[in-house]
């Protein structure tokens, strides 16, 4: 059943009914709002490669289950787990059972029955990643399911999720392309980051995958693009009139995008040490957020129009100035037995980027990420310039800031100066707050992987990384990474549980960020 990669063909007349899964919306008349559709019926085969690994167990299978239990996936769906570990179907099901949460299930249904129905849809196939005969067997199993659950003319759908190390992507992809391509519908392939370690390795991987699959078959997943607040960025920026005139260098003093973890490598230092914090977090997650913050308004919500604007932002970023880079490693990192004793891998980095265009010229974008810090959070912090003519002497209160808390406790809040209640005319800093857990008490925020897997089935590539976007991002970071790799930048030690190297706060102050001492945002309670 060998086949070469084919571009997703436009739906035929016969495919219109099942292809509702590809249309994310429909409008019945000009006055009614657009309604989002779930994935319609039709044979769907999801193949999870690396099914016995942590990513599949903790993220991929639970995300598919969450979609299934809410009715987003068709009854004709079947999941095929593929890995090198020797297991039976039942052993894999038992391994996954504890990760499937019974929330968000129709109250009329027994949660245990729903979990059992889902697990019964999983078949396990044991095989090597370079074994043609195993992939031939995989294709036979998928084809058998398709013959059983669809007629001879209806289109079928195949989704391959590579929950694997990037080093085996080429091996696996060649065998998918050779033996497992769908002959009666689309084939789509999800690949996980990291997409290489620098420009050269990324381009080599892209070329190998590009020779096997077309760009509309490849879905490079960055799970941060599936987070609720990240998906809100475009709506927040372009659907609110008051942001339009102030979102520029005339009003904004600086932008910070911060990722902090309050724990270290937890025994996974061997993997982390190969990449470091810049490759692991900043070059992908944080740079994607920067693009959405800084891009111009796209002409439509078409995935290509949005991704075109993101690429334009990346092409405007100036090369890094080493004087605006701070890297560090927490004390105790090398106590992890999986980390080499002579490791110089950064576990902390704070970098300043400058965007050379009319909107952002002169505004520093500070990207900061680190492990073993004083808190766990990810947030965007847009700091505005001082109000001219400070008659209330409120500079000491701190600047206005618009903050988007991505995790935990999702929220958007505006820090602003107000009159302190009482008889005296005193200014103090407070906030306008929209905390999601309070405003949307009856809504469960989906996991990022749920959204992105559903987007893949629908054929929506808006929240996935395009090849040229990936290339330009690596062009920005590769020279700096190579200088760090050969020891040209000082690696500063910092204590576990601290804010990181003090030099990072000094860098922030030097480029114009003003920290508000004494202010602390407190998530509102429901009382």
Protein backbone atom coordinates (compact mmCIF):
# COMPACT_ATOMS: atom_id res chain seq x y z
CA UNK A 1 0.00 0.00 0.00
CA UNK A 2 2.89 2.38 -0.71
CA UNK A 3 1.97 5.95 -1.56
CA UNK A 4 3.65 9.28 -2.07
CA UNK A 5 2.57 12.37 -0.16
CA UNK A 6 -0.32 14.18 -1.79
CA UNK A 7 -1.60 17.68 -1.21
CA UNK A 8 -4.98 17.83 0.52
CA UNK A 9 -7.46 17.97 -2.32
CA UNK A 10 -10.48 20.30 -2.24
CA UNK A 11 -13.63 18.52 -1.07
CA UNK A 12 -15.75 16.88 -3.74
CA UNK A 13 -19.54 17.12 -3.88
CA UNK A 14 -19.75 13.68 -2.28
CA UNK A 15 -17.51 14.87 0.58
CA UNK A 16 -19.56 17.92 1.52
CA UNK A 17 -21.54 16.28 4.33
CA UNK A 18 -18.61 14.70 6.18
CA UNK A 19 -16.45 17.72 5.35
CA UNK A 20 -18.42 19.81 7.84
CA UNK A 21 -15.53 18.89 10.11
CA UNK A 22 -13.27 21.03 7.92
CA UNK A 23 -15.59 24.08 8.07
CA UNK A 24 -15.18 25.74 11.43
CA UNK A 25 -18.28 27.90 11.01
CA UNK A 26 -21.41 28.60 9.00
CA UNK A 27 -23.79 31.56 8.75
CA UNK A 28 -27.48 30.98 8.16
CA UNK A 29 -28.20 34.64 7.40
CA UNK A 30 -26.45 37.97 7.67
CA UNK A 31 -27.97 38.81 11.08
CA UNK A 32 -27.13 35.62 12.92
CA UNK A 33 -23.79 35.02 14.63
CA UNK A 34 -21.32 32.50 13.34
CA UNK A 35 -21.71 29.14 15.06
CA UNK A 36 -18.76 26.85 15.55
CA UNK A 37 -19.25 23.23 14.55
CA UNK A 38 -17.87 20.11 16.14
CA UNK A 39 -16.19 17.48 14.01
CA UNK A 40 -18.91 15.79 11.97
CA UNK A 41 -19.35 12.05 11.51
CA UNK A 42 -17.09 10.05 9.26
CA UNK A 43 -14.24 7.61 9.67
CA UNK A 44 -11.32 9.12 11.58
CA UNK A 45 -8.12 7.24 12.44
CA UNK A 46 -5.77 8.85 14.95
CA UNK A 47 -2.32 7.26 15.12
CA UNK A 48 -0.21 8.21 18.17
CA UNK A 49 3.43 7.31 17.58
CA UNK A 50 5.36 7.13 20.83
CA UNK A 51 2.21 5.92 22.58
CA UNK A 52 4.07 4.53 25.59
CA UNK A 53 5.89 7.79 26.37
CA UNK A 54 5.18 10.55 28.88
CA UNK A 55 3.91 13.10 26.35
CA UNK A 56 1.36 10.69 24.91
CA UNK A 57 0.28 9.47 28.35
CA UNK A 58 -0.02 12.88 30.01
CA UNK A 59 -1.08 15.14 27.14
CA UNK A 60 -2.02 13.49 23.84
CA UNK A 61 -4.41 10.74 24.95
CA UNK A 62 -6.10 12.90 27.65
CA UNK A 63 -6.64 15.68 25.09
CA UNK A 64 -8.25 13.25 22.62
CA UNK A 65 -10.41 11.87 25.43
CA UNK A 66 -11.55 15.36 26.45
CA UNK A 67 -12.65 16.03 22.88
CA UNK A 68 -14.38 12.66 22.65
CA UNK A 69 -16.35 12.96 25.89
CA UNK A 70 -17.66 16.40 24.86
CA UNK A 71 -18.90 15.11 21.50
CA UNK A 72 -16.27 16.77 19.31
CA UNK A 73 -15.10 13.50 17.79
CA UNK A 74 -17.19 11.04 15.78
CA UNK A 75 -18.21 7.59 16.93
CA UNK A 76 -16.35 6.26 13.89
CA UNK A 77 -13.04 7.37 15.41
CA UNK A 78 -10.41 4.83 16.37
CA UNK A 79 -6.99 5.41 17.97
CA UNK A 80 -3.92 3.39 17.11
CA UNK A 81 -1.02 3.56 19.56
CA UNK A 82 2.39 2.69 18.13
CA UNK A 83 5.65 2.33 20.08
CA UNK A 84 8.66 0.07 20.61
CA UNK A 85 7.51 -1.16 24.05
CA UNK A 86 5.97 -4.61 24.13
CA UNK A 87 2.41 -4.28 25.43
CA UNK A 88 -1.05 -5.60 24.80
CA UNK A 89 -4.04 -3.39 24.02
CA UNK A 90 -5.28 -3.88 27.57
CA UNK A 91 -1.93 -2.98 29.13
CA UNK A 92 -1.84 0.33 27.27
CA UNK A 93 -5.45 1.05 28.26
CA UNK A 94 -4.68 0.44 31.93
CA UNK A 95 -1.60 2.65 31.67
CA UNK A 96 -3.75 5.50 30.34
CA UNK A 97 -6.82 5.06 32.57
CA UNK A 98 -5.48 7.12 35.47
CA UNK A 99 -4.89 10.13 33.21
CA UNK A 100 -8.45 10.32 31.87
CA UNK A 101 -10.45 12.74 34.01
CA UNK A 102 -14.23 12.16 34.40
CA UNK A 103 -15.14 15.89 34.39
CA UNK A 104 -17.09 17.59 31.57
CA UNK A 105 -19.09 14.43 30.86
CA UNK A 106 -22.82 14.62 30.14
CA UNK A 107 -24.55 14.17 33.55
CA UNK A 108 -26.92 11.69 31.93
CA UNK A 109 -23.99 9.35 31.23
CA UNK A 110 -22.01 7.19 33.62
CA UNK A 111 -18.40 8.54 33.58
CA UNK A 112 -16.95 5.06 33.93
CA UNK A 113 -18.92 3.91 30.88
CA UNK A 114 -17.60 6.85 28.83
CA UNK A 115 -14.01 6.10 29.87
CA UNK A 116 -14.47 2.43 29.04
CA UNK A 117 -15.97 3.24 25.62
CA UNK A 118 -13.01 5.49 24.86
CA UNK A 119 -10.40 2.97 25.97
CA UNK A 120 -12.05 0.29 23.83
CA UNK A 121 -11.34 2.52 20.82
CA UNK A 122 -7.57 2.13 21.36
CA UNK A 123 -5.52 -0.53 19.60
CA UNK A 124 -1.82 -0.97 20.30
CA UNK A 125 0.79 -1.97 17.74
CA UNK A 126 4.34 -2.80 18.76
CA UNK A 127 7.13 -2.04 16.31
CA UNK A 128 10.42 -0.29 15.67
CA UNK A 129 10.49 3.18 14.17
CA UNK A 130 12.69 2.04 11.28
CA UNK A 131 10.85 -1.23 10.53
CA UNK A 132 8.94 -1.21 7.24
CA UNK A 133 7.07 -4.39 8.12
CA UNK A 134 5.67 -2.79 11.29
CA UNK A 135 4.34 0.21 9.38
CA UNK A 136 2.84 -2.11 6.78
CA UNK A 137 1.05 -3.82 9.67
CA UNK A 138 -0.04 -0.41 11.02
CA UNK A 139 -1.49 0.51 7.63
CA UNK A 140 -3.34 -2.83 7.45
CA UNK A 141 -4.89 -2.21 10.88
CA UNK A 142 -5.99 1.31 9.93
CA UNK A 143 -7.35 0.12 6.57
CA UNK A 144 -9.28 -2.66 8.30
CA UNK A 145 -10.90 -0.09 10.59
CA UNK A 146 -11.75 2.15 7.61
CA UNK A 147 -13.36 -0.73 5.72
CA UNK A 148 -15.37 -1.65 8.78
CA UNK A 149 -16.60 1.87 9.66
CA UNK A 150 -17.16 3.46 6.22
CA UNK A 151 -18.50 2.59 2.80
CA UNK A 152 -16.39 2.35 -0.36
CA UNK A 153 -16.96 5.94 -1.54
CA UNK A 154 -17.00 8.08 1.61
CA UNK A 155 -13.73 9.88 2.37
CA UNK A 156 -11.66 8.77 5.35
CA UNK A 157 -9.27 10.77 7.53
CA UNK A 158 -5.89 9.88 9.00
CA UNK A 159 -4.12 11.92 11.67
CA UNK A 160 -0.60 10.95 12.76
CA UNK A 161 0.65 12.46 16.02
CA UNK A 162 4.43 12.17 16.45
CA UNK A 163 4.85 12.18 20.26
CA UNK A 164 8.51 11.35 19.68
CA UNK A 165 12.00 12.86 19.92
CA UNK A 166 12.77 14.91 16.78
CA UNK A 167 15.73 12.62 16.05
CA UNK A 168 13.35 9.89 14.86
CA UNK A 169 11.00 12.16 12.86
CA UNK A 170 12.73 11.39 9.53
CA UNK A 171 12.69 7.61 10.13
CA UNK A 172 9.02 7.57 11.06
CA UNK A 173 7.92 10.10 8.45
CA UNK A 174 9.53 8.15 5.60
CA UNK A 175 7.58 5.05 6.59
CA UNK A 176 4.31 6.92 7.02
CA UNK A 177 4.79 8.42 3.55
CA UNK A 178 5.77 5.08 2.03
CA UNK A 179 3.24 2.78 3.67
CA UNK A 180 0.46 4.65 5.48
CA UNK A 181 -0.82 7.53 3.34
CA UNK A 182 -4.58 7.76 2.97
CA UNK A 183 -5.90 6.88 -0.48
CA UNK A 184 -9.48 8.09 0.18
CA UNK A 185 -9.10 11.40 1.98
CA UNK A 186 -6.64 13.55 3.88
CA UNK A 187 -3.52 12.63 5.82
CA UNK A 188 -2.19 15.10 8.40
CA UNK A 189 0.91 14.87 10.58
CA UNK A 190 1.48 16.68 13.90
CA UNK A 191 5.12 17.16 14.91
CA UNK A 192 6.25 18.40 18.33
CA UNK A 193 8.97 20.92 19.11
CA UNK A 194 11.91 21.29 19.25
CA UNK A 195 12.22 21.77 15.51
CA UNK A 196 16.00 21.51 15.42
CA UNK A 197 18.70 23.09 17.59
CA UNK A 198 19.74 25.90 15.25
CA UNK A 199 19.08 27.17 11.74
CA UNK A 200 21.07 24.46 10.02
CA UNK A 201 19.51 21.51 11.86
CA UNK A 202 16.02 23.02 11.60
CA UNK A 203 16.36 23.53 7.85
CA UNK A 204 17.65 19.98 7.44
CA UNK A 205 14.64 18.61 9.33
CA UNK A 206 12.25 20.86 7.39
CA UNK A 207 13.74 19.69 4.10
CA UNK A 208 13.40 16.04 5.05
CA UNK A 209 9.78 16.45 6.13
CA UNK A 210 9.02 18.77 3.20
CA UNK A 211 10.16 16.09 0.76
CA UNK A 212 7.61 13.68 2.24
CA UNK A 213 4.61 15.89 3.06
CA UNK A 214 3.16 19.11 1.67
CA UNK A 215 2.98 22.15 3.94
CA UNK A 216 -0.80 21.77 4.35
CA UNK A 217 -0.26 18.23 5.65
CA UNK A 218 2.29 19.28 8.30
CA UNK A 219 1.17 20.74 11.64
CA UNK A 220 4.13 21.97 13.74
CA UNK A 221 2.59 22.20 17.17
CA UNK A 222 3.54 24.83 19.74
CA UNK A 223 1.14 24.24 22.59
CA UNK A 224 1.41 27.84 23.80
CA UNK A 225 -0.55 28.87 20.72
CA UNK A 226 -3.44 26.82 22.08
CA UNK A 227 -3.62 28.59 25.44
CA UNK A 228 -6.80 30.57 26.11
CA UNK A 229 -5.12 33.93 26.75
CA UNK A 230 -2.77 33.57 23.78
CA UNK A 231 -5.77 32.87 21.54
CA UNK A 232 -7.38 35.99 23.01
CA UNK A 233 -4.54 38.23 21.87
CA UNK A 234 -5.88 38.94 18.39
CA UNK A 235 -9.40 39.58 19.67
CA UNK A 236 -8.14 41.82 22.45
CA UNK A 237 -5.93 43.85 20.13
CA UNK A 238 -8.10 44.23 17.05
CA UNK A 239 -11.68 44.11 18.40
CA UNK A 240 -11.31 46.85 21.04
CA UNK A 241 -11.25 50.43 19.79
CA UNK A 242 -9.39 51.93 22.73
CA UNK A 243 -6.32 49.74 22.12
CA UNK A 244 -5.92 50.83 18.49
CA UNK A 245 -4.43 54.32 19.02
CA UNK A 246 -2.24 53.42 22.02
CA UNK A 247 -0.64 50.17 20.84
CA UNK A 248 2.59 51.71 19.55
CA UNK A 249 5.92 53.35 20.43
CA UNK A 250 4.26 56.68 21.24
CA UNK A 251 2.55 55.22 24.31
CA UNK A 252 4.27 51.95 25.23
CA UNK A 253 7.55 52.08 27.15
CA UNK A 254 8.36 48.35 27.14
CA UNK A 255 6.90 44.88 26.71
CA UNK A 256 7.84 41.89 28.86
CA UNK A 257 6.99 38.27 28.10
CA UNK A 258 7.86 36.12 31.10
CA UNK A 259 7.93 32.38 31.75
CA UNK A 260 8.88 31.24 35.28
CA UNK A 261 8.98 27.81 36.89
CA UNK A 262 9.50 27.30 40.62
CA UNK A 263 11.10 23.88 40.15
CA UNK A 264 14.23 22.56 38.49
CA UNK A 265 14.75 19.71 36.04
CA UNK A 266 13.26 17.05 38.38
CA UNK A 267 15.42 14.25 37.02
CA UNK A 268 14.89 15.22 33.36
CA UNK A 269 18.09 17.24 33.16
CA UNK A 270 19.58 15.01 30.47
CA UNK A 271 16.96 16.15 27.96
CA UNK A 272 16.96 19.77 29.10
CA UNK A 273 20.76 20.03 29.07
CA UNK A 274 20.80 19.23 25.36
CA UNK A 275 18.70 22.31 24.59
CA UNK A 276 18.72 24.87 27.41
CA UNK A 277 16.11 27.48 28.32
CA UNK A 278 16.43 29.59 25.14
CA UNK A 279 15.85 26.70 22.75
CA UNK A 280 13.28 25.07 25.03
CA UNK A 281 11.10 28.11 25.80
CA UNK A 282 12.16 31.45 24.33
CA UNK A 283 12.87 30.62 20.69
CA UNK A 284 9.43 29.04 20.26
CA UNK A 285 6.80 29.80 22.95
CA UNK A 286 7.80 33.37 23.78
CA UNK A 287 8.71 34.45 20.26
CA UNK A 288 5.29 33.25 19.07
CA UNK A 289 3.61 35.42 21.71
CA UNK A 290 5.79 38.37 20.65
CA UNK A 291 4.57 37.97 17.07
CA UNK A 292 0.92 38.13 18.11
CA UNK A 293 1.58 41.17 20.29
CA UNK A 294 3.53 43.09 17.68
CA UNK A 295 2.00 42.09 14.32
CA UNK A 296 -0.12 44.35 12.18
CA UNK A 297 -3.81 43.64 11.69
CA UNK A 298 -4.26 40.86 9.12
CA UNK A 299 -6.67 41.42 6.26
CA UNK A 300 -8.74 38.44 7.46
CA UNK A 301 -8.68 35.57 9.95
CA UNK A 302 -7.38 33.24 7.25
CA UNK A 303 -4.50 31.21 8.72
CA UNK A 304 -2.20 32.32 5.93
CA UNK A 305 -2.99 36.01 6.39
CA UNK A 306 -2.26 35.76 10.12
CA UNK A 307 0.96 33.83 9.61
CA UNK A 308 2.07 36.29 6.91
CA UNK A 309 1.89 39.12 9.46
CA UNK A 310 3.83 37.10 12.04
CA UNK A 311 6.63 36.52 9.56
CA UNK A 312 6.78 40.26 8.79
CA UNK A 313 7.37 40.99 12.50
CA UNK A 314 10.17 38.41 12.72
CA UNK A 315 11.86 39.87 9.65
CA UNK A 316 12.00 43.28 11.39
CA UNK A 317 13.82 42.06 14.52
CA UNK A 318 17.37 43.34 14.86
CA UNK A 319 20.30 41.01 15.77
CA UNK A 320 20.89 40.54 19.50
CA UNK A 321 23.27 42.85 21.34
CA UNK A 322 25.22 40.70 23.84
CA UNK A 323 25.11 43.59 26.33
CA UNK A 324 21.32 43.11 26.42
CA UNK A 325 21.47 39.38 27.19
CA UNK A 326 21.71 37.81 30.67
CA UNK A 327 22.05 34.04 31.08
CA UNK A 328 22.30 32.04 34.29
CA UNK A 329 22.29 28.57 35.81
CA UNK A 330 20.75 27.79 39.19
CA UNK A 331 22.96 26.43 41.95
CA UNK A 332 22.26 22.73 42.27
CA UNK A 333 21.45 22.17 38.59
CA UNK A 334 24.43 19.83 38.21
CA UNK A 335 23.30 17.82 41.25
CA UNK A 336 20.85 16.18 38.85
CA UNK A 337 22.61 12.91 37.98
CA UNK A 338 21.45 13.17 34.37
CA UNK A 339 23.32 16.49 33.91
CA UNK A 340 27.06 16.51 33.01
CA UNK A 341 29.31 17.88 35.75
CA UNK A 342 30.82 20.44 33.37
CA UNK A 343 27.48 21.64 31.94
CA UNK A 344 27.30 25.29 30.89
CA UNK A 345 23.67 25.10 29.76
CA UNK A 346 21.59 28.17 30.76
CA UNK A 347 18.56 27.50 32.95
CA UNK A 348 17.70 31.22 32.91
CA UNK A 349 17.82 33.85 30.19
CA UNK A 350 16.62 37.42 29.80
CA UNK A 351 16.95 38.85 26.30
CA UNK A 352 16.03 42.21 24.81
CA UNK A 353 14.75 42.33 21.24
CA UNK A 354 14.17 45.42 19.13
CA UNK A 355 11.69 45.55 16.24
CA UNK A 356 12.83 47.89 13.51
CA UNK A 357 9.54 49.19 12.12
CA UNK A 358 7.36 52.27 12.40
CA UNK A 359 5.12 50.92 15.16
CA UNK A 360 7.78 49.59 17.53
CA UNK A 361 11.02 51.48 16.88
CA UNK A 362 12.66 52.17 20.25
CA UNK A 363 10.42 49.86 22.34
CA UNK A 364 12.34 47.06 24.11
CA UNK A 365 10.73 43.62 24.08
CA UNK A 366 12.10 41.69 27.06
CA UNK A 367 11.83 37.90 26.83
CA UNK A 368 12.62 36.19 30.13
CA UNK A 369 12.43 32.52 31.10
CA UNK A 370 13.91 30.46 33.88
CA UNK A 371 13.75 27.38 36.08
CA UNK A 372 13.97 27.12 39.89
CA UNK A 373 12.73 30.69 40.37
CA UNK A 374 10.55 32.28 43.06
CA UNK A 375 7.18 31.53 41.44
CA UNK A 376 5.45 29.67 38.65
CA UNK A 377 3.78 31.87 36.07
CA UNK A 378 3.67 32.94 32.45
CA UNK A 379 2.52 36.45 31.63
CA UNK A 380 2.66 39.37 29.21
CA UNK A 381 3.32 42.80 30.72
CA UNK A 382 2.84 45.89 28.54
CA UNK A 383 4.13 48.96 30.38
CA UNK A 384 2.99 52.40 29.24
CA UNK A 385 4.91 55.64 29.38
CA UNK A 386 4.43 58.19 32.17
CA UNK A 387 1.49 60.56 31.91
CA UNK A 388 2.82 64.01 30.96
CA UNK A 389 2.41 66.80 33.52
CA UNK A 390 2.42 64.72 36.71
CA UNK A 391 0.26 66.99 38.92
CA UNK A 392 -0.58 64.11 41.30
CA UNK A 393 3.08 63.17 41.88
CA UNK A 394 2.14 59.62 40.94
CA UNK A 395 5.36 58.49 39.26
CA UNK A 396 6.31 56.85 42.53
CA UNK A 397 3.14 54.74 42.28
CA UNK A 398 4.36 53.09 39.12
CA UNK A 399 3.35 53.17 35.51
CA UNK A 400 0.15 51.94 33.92
CA UNK A 401 0.50 48.32 32.82
CA UNK A 402 -1.70 45.95 30.89
CA UNK A 403 -1.04 42.40 32.08
CA UNK A 404 -2.21 39.12 30.60
CA UNK A 405 -1.65 36.21 33.00
CA UNK A 406 -1.39 33.07 30.84
CA UNK A 407 -0.94 30.64 33.71
CA UNK A 408 -1.86 29.87 36.42
CA UNK A 409 -5.15 31.64 37.23
CA UNK A 410 -5.76 33.10 33.78
CA UNK A 411 -6.54 36.82 33.93
CA UNK A 412 -6.28 40.17 32.19
CA UNK A 413 -5.85 43.25 34.35
CA UNK A 414 -4.89 46.90 33.92
CA UNK A 415 -2.73 48.51 36.59
CA UNK A 416 -3.69 52.16 36.93
CA UNK A 417 -3.41 55.02 39.38
CA UNK A 418 -6.54 55.98 41.32
CA UNK A 419 -7.45 58.13 44.33
CA UNK A 420 -7.02 56.31 47.60
CA UNK A 421 -10.37 56.28 49.48
CA UNK A 422 -10.49 58.83 52.29
CA UNK A 423 -10.43 62.55 52.96
CA UNK A 424 -6.95 63.16 51.59
CA UNK A 425 -6.10 63.48 47.90
CA UNK A 426 -3.65 60.60 47.70
CA UNK A 427 -2.89 58.54 44.64
CA UNK A 428 -2.44 54.78 44.83
CA UNK A 429 -2.14 51.95 42.38
CA UNK A 430 -4.98 49.52 41.79
CA UNK A 431 -6.31 47.49 38.89
CA UNK A 432 -9.23 46.80 36.60
CA UNK A 433 -9.41 43.03 36.71
CA UNK A 434 -10.96 40.29 34.59
CA UNK A 435 -10.02 37.01 36.20
CA UNK A 436 -11.29 34.09 34.19
CA UNK A 437 -12.16 31.81 37.10
CA UNK A 438 -14.47 34.52 38.44
CA UNK A 439 -15.91 35.93 35.21
CA UNK A 440 -16.46 32.52 33.59
CA UNK A 441 -17.32 30.34 36.55
CA UNK A 442 -19.40 27.85 34.57
CA UNK A 443 -16.92 27.43 31.72
CA UNK A 444 -14.05 24.97 31.82
CA UNK A 445 -11.08 26.36 29.91
CA UNK A 446 -9.87 23.70 27.47
CA UNK A 447 -6.32 22.41 27.53
CA UNK A 448 -4.08 23.73 24.77
CA UNK A 449 -3.61 20.28 23.24
CA UNK A 450 -7.38 19.83 22.94
CA UNK A 451 -7.71 22.95 20.81
CA UNK A 452 -4.75 22.15 18.59
CA UNK A 453 -5.72 18.55 17.90
CA UNK A 454 -9.25 19.71 17.05
CA UNK A 455 -7.82 22.44 14.79
CA UNK A 456 -5.77 19.80 12.98
CA UNK A 457 -8.82 17.63 12.34
CA UNK A 458 -10.67 20.71 11.06
CA UNK A 459 -7.75 21.65 8.82
CA UNK A 460 -7.16 25.02 10.50
CA UNK A 461 -3.43 25.86 10.57
CA UNK A 462 -3.77 29.31 12.18
CA UNK A 463 -2.22 28.19 15.47
CA UNK A 464 0.62 26.17 13.97
CA UNK A 465 4.08 27.26 12.88
CA UNK A 466 4.73 27.66 9.16
CA UNK A 467 8.08 26.68 7.67
CA UNK A 468 9.20 30.21 6.72
CA UNK A 469 8.16 31.45 10.17
CA UNK A 470 10.32 28.76 11.76
CA UNK A 471 13.27 29.61 9.54
CA UNK A 472 13.22 33.34 10.33
CA UNK A 473 12.95 32.64 14.07
CA UNK A 474 16.05 30.46 13.91
CA UNK A 475 17.87 33.12 11.87
CA UNK A 476 17.33 35.51 14.80
CA UNK A 477 18.48 33.15 17.55
CA UNK A 478 21.18 30.96 15.97
CA UNK A 479 24.10 33.45 16.09
CA UNK A 480 23.42 34.18 19.78
CA UNK A 481 23.05 30.48 20.63
CA UNK A 482 26.34 29.65 18.95
CA UNK A 483 28.10 32.38 20.95
CA UNK A 484 26.59 30.99 24.16
CA UNK A 485 27.53 27.42 23.21
CA UNK A 486 31.23 28.34 22.91
CA UNK A 487 31.23 30.30 26.18
CA UNK A 488 31.39 33.87 24.88
CA UNK A 489 28.71 35.05 27.34
CA UNK A 490 29.08 34.84 31.10
CA UNK A 491 26.91 32.19 32.77
CA UNK A 492 25.80 33.72 36.08
CA UNK A 493 24.91 31.41 39.01
CA UNK A 494 21.72 32.15 40.95
CA UNK A 495 20.05 30.64 43.98
CA UNK A 496 17.04 28.35 43.74
CA UNK A 497 13.84 30.19 44.69
CA UNK A 498 15.23 33.62 43.73
CA UNK A 499 14.16 36.01 40.95
CA UNK A 500 17.18 34.87 38.96
CA UNK A 501 20.43 36.79 38.46
CA UNK A 502 20.29 40.37 39.76
CA UNK A 503 21.83 41.41 36.44
CA UNK A 504 18.50 40.65 34.75
CA UNK A 505 16.67 43.26 36.84
CA UNK A 506 19.51 45.70 36.13
CA UNK A 507 19.14 45.04 32.40
CA UNK A 508 15.38 45.71 32.60
CA UNK A 509 16.01 49.04 34.31
CA UNK A 510 18.71 49.95 31.80
CA UNK A 511 16.40 49.48 28.80
CA UNK A 512 13.57 51.45 30.40
CA UNK A 513 11.36 49.07 32.38
CA UNK A 514 10.31 50.54 35.73
CA UNK A 515 9.40 47.97 38.37
CA UNK A 516 6.70 48.88 40.91
CA UNK A 517 7.99 48.11 44.38
CA UNK A 518 5.42 47.00 46.94
CA UNK A 519 2.57 46.32 44.51
CA UNK A 520 1.30 42.76 44.22
CA UNK A 521 -1.67 41.64 42.15
CA UNK A 522 -4.03 39.41 44.12
CA UNK A 523 -6.49 37.25 42.20
CA UNK A 524 -10.04 38.11 43.29
CA UNK A 525 -11.98 35.54 45.28
CA UNK A 526 -15.53 34.43 44.60
CA UNK A 527 -16.79 35.71 47.96
